[in-house]
Protein backbone atom coordinates (compact mmCIF):
# COMPACT_ATOMS: atom_id res chain seq x y z
CA UNK A 1 0.06 -0.06 -0.20
CA UNK A 2 1.90 3.37 -1.17
CA UNK A 3 3.88 3.76 1.89
CA UNK A 4 6.22 6.87 2.03
CA UNK A 5 9.62 6.50 0.80
CA UNK A 6 12.76 7.26 2.38
CA UNK A 7 14.77 9.27 0.48
CA UNK A 8 18.33 9.32 0.97
CA UNK A 9 18.84 12.87 2.62
CA UNK A 10 16.32 11.37 5.34
CA UNK A 11 18.74 8.70 5.69
CA UNK A 12 21.42 11.04 5.91
CA UNK A 13 19.53 12.83 8.20
CA UNK A 14 18.90 9.72 10.21
CA UNK A 15 22.75 8.91 10.50
CA UNK A 16 23.35 12.49 11.61
CA UNK A 17 20.97 12.02 14.41
CA UNK A 18 22.42 8.33 15.31
CA UNK A 19 25.91 10.02 15.38
CA UNK A 20 25.39 12.83 17.41
CA UNK A 21 23.12 11.22 19.88
CA UNK A 22 26.56 8.78 20.50
CA UNK A 23 29.12 11.38 20.70
CA UNK A 24 26.54 13.37 23.32
CA UNK A 25 26.34 9.95 25.20
CA UNK A 26 22.71 9.73 24.87
CA UNK A 27 21.17 5.78 25.19
CA UNK A 28 18.20 5.15 22.31
CA UNK A 29 16.21 4.80 25.52
CA UNK A 30 16.80 8.01 26.92
CA UNK A 31 15.80 9.88 23.60
CA UNK A 32 12.60 7.09 23.27
CA UNK A 33 11.66 8.42 26.91
CA UNK A 34 12.27 12.18 25.80
CA UNK A 35 10.71 11.91 22.51
CA UNK A 36 7.83 9.98 23.95
CA UNK A 37 8.40 6.29 21.81
CA UNK A 38 10.05 3.34 22.42
CA UNK A 39 13.71 2.65 22.06
CA UNK A 40 12.97 0.22 18.95
CA UNK A 41 11.13 3.11 17.10
CA UNK A 42 14.32 5.04 17.66
CA UNK A 43 16.19 2.30 16.05
CA UNK A 44 13.80 2.48 13.35
CA UNK A 45 14.39 6.33 12.89
CA UNK A 46 18.06 5.89 12.86
CA UNK A 47 18.36 3.15 10.57
CA UNK A 48 16.33 5.49 7.86
CA UNK A 49 13.61 2.48 8.07
CA UNK A 50 11.30 5.84 9.82
CA UNK A 51 11.16 9.79 8.11
CA UNK A 52 12.35 11.84 11.08
CA UNK A 53 9.81 14.81 11.39
CA UNK A 54 10.31 18.32 12.04
CA UNK A 55 8.81 18.02 15.70
CA UNK A 56 10.81 14.85 16.33
CA UNK A 57 14.04 16.44 15.27
CA UNK A 58 13.66 19.26 17.25
CA UNK A 59 12.72 17.01 20.27
CA UNK A 60 15.84 15.07 19.45
CA UNK A 61 18.16 17.99 19.48
CA UNK A 62 16.91 19.53 22.41
CA UNK A 63 17.78 16.22 23.96
CA UNK A 64 21.16 15.49 22.35
CA UNK A 65 22.27 19.26 23.10
CA UNK A 66 22.64 20.28 19.53
CA UNK A 67 21.38 22.38 17.14
CA UNK A 68 18.59 20.95 14.80
CA UNK A 69 20.26 22.41 11.90
CA UNK A 70 23.57 20.14 12.66
CA UNK A 71 21.51 17.32 10.91
CA UNK A 72 21.54 19.01 8.06
CA UNK A 73 23.93 20.09 5.36
CA UNK A 74 22.62 22.86 3.34
CA UNK A 75 25.34 22.71 0.55
CA UNK A 76 24.72 19.02 -0.20
CA UNK A 77 20.95 18.47 0.34
CA UNK A 78 19.77 20.90 -2.57
CA UNK A 79 16.25 19.46 -3.72
């Protein structure tokens, strides 16, 4: 049934969120608790299976302690 397609840009954002989480010493459980979802859902988001919404990215950035813009690379994310 026509599910959402996860793009390469979505996957790059997912990788950046995961790298920032690990660098900050935040576990998947801690991030999930802060966002009101399970650590299994965090695994799906970080694997790129689920797309990060703007609100979820903002919540993750606040919990991890990084700016939301850090998840994007404007120079290489055209279109």
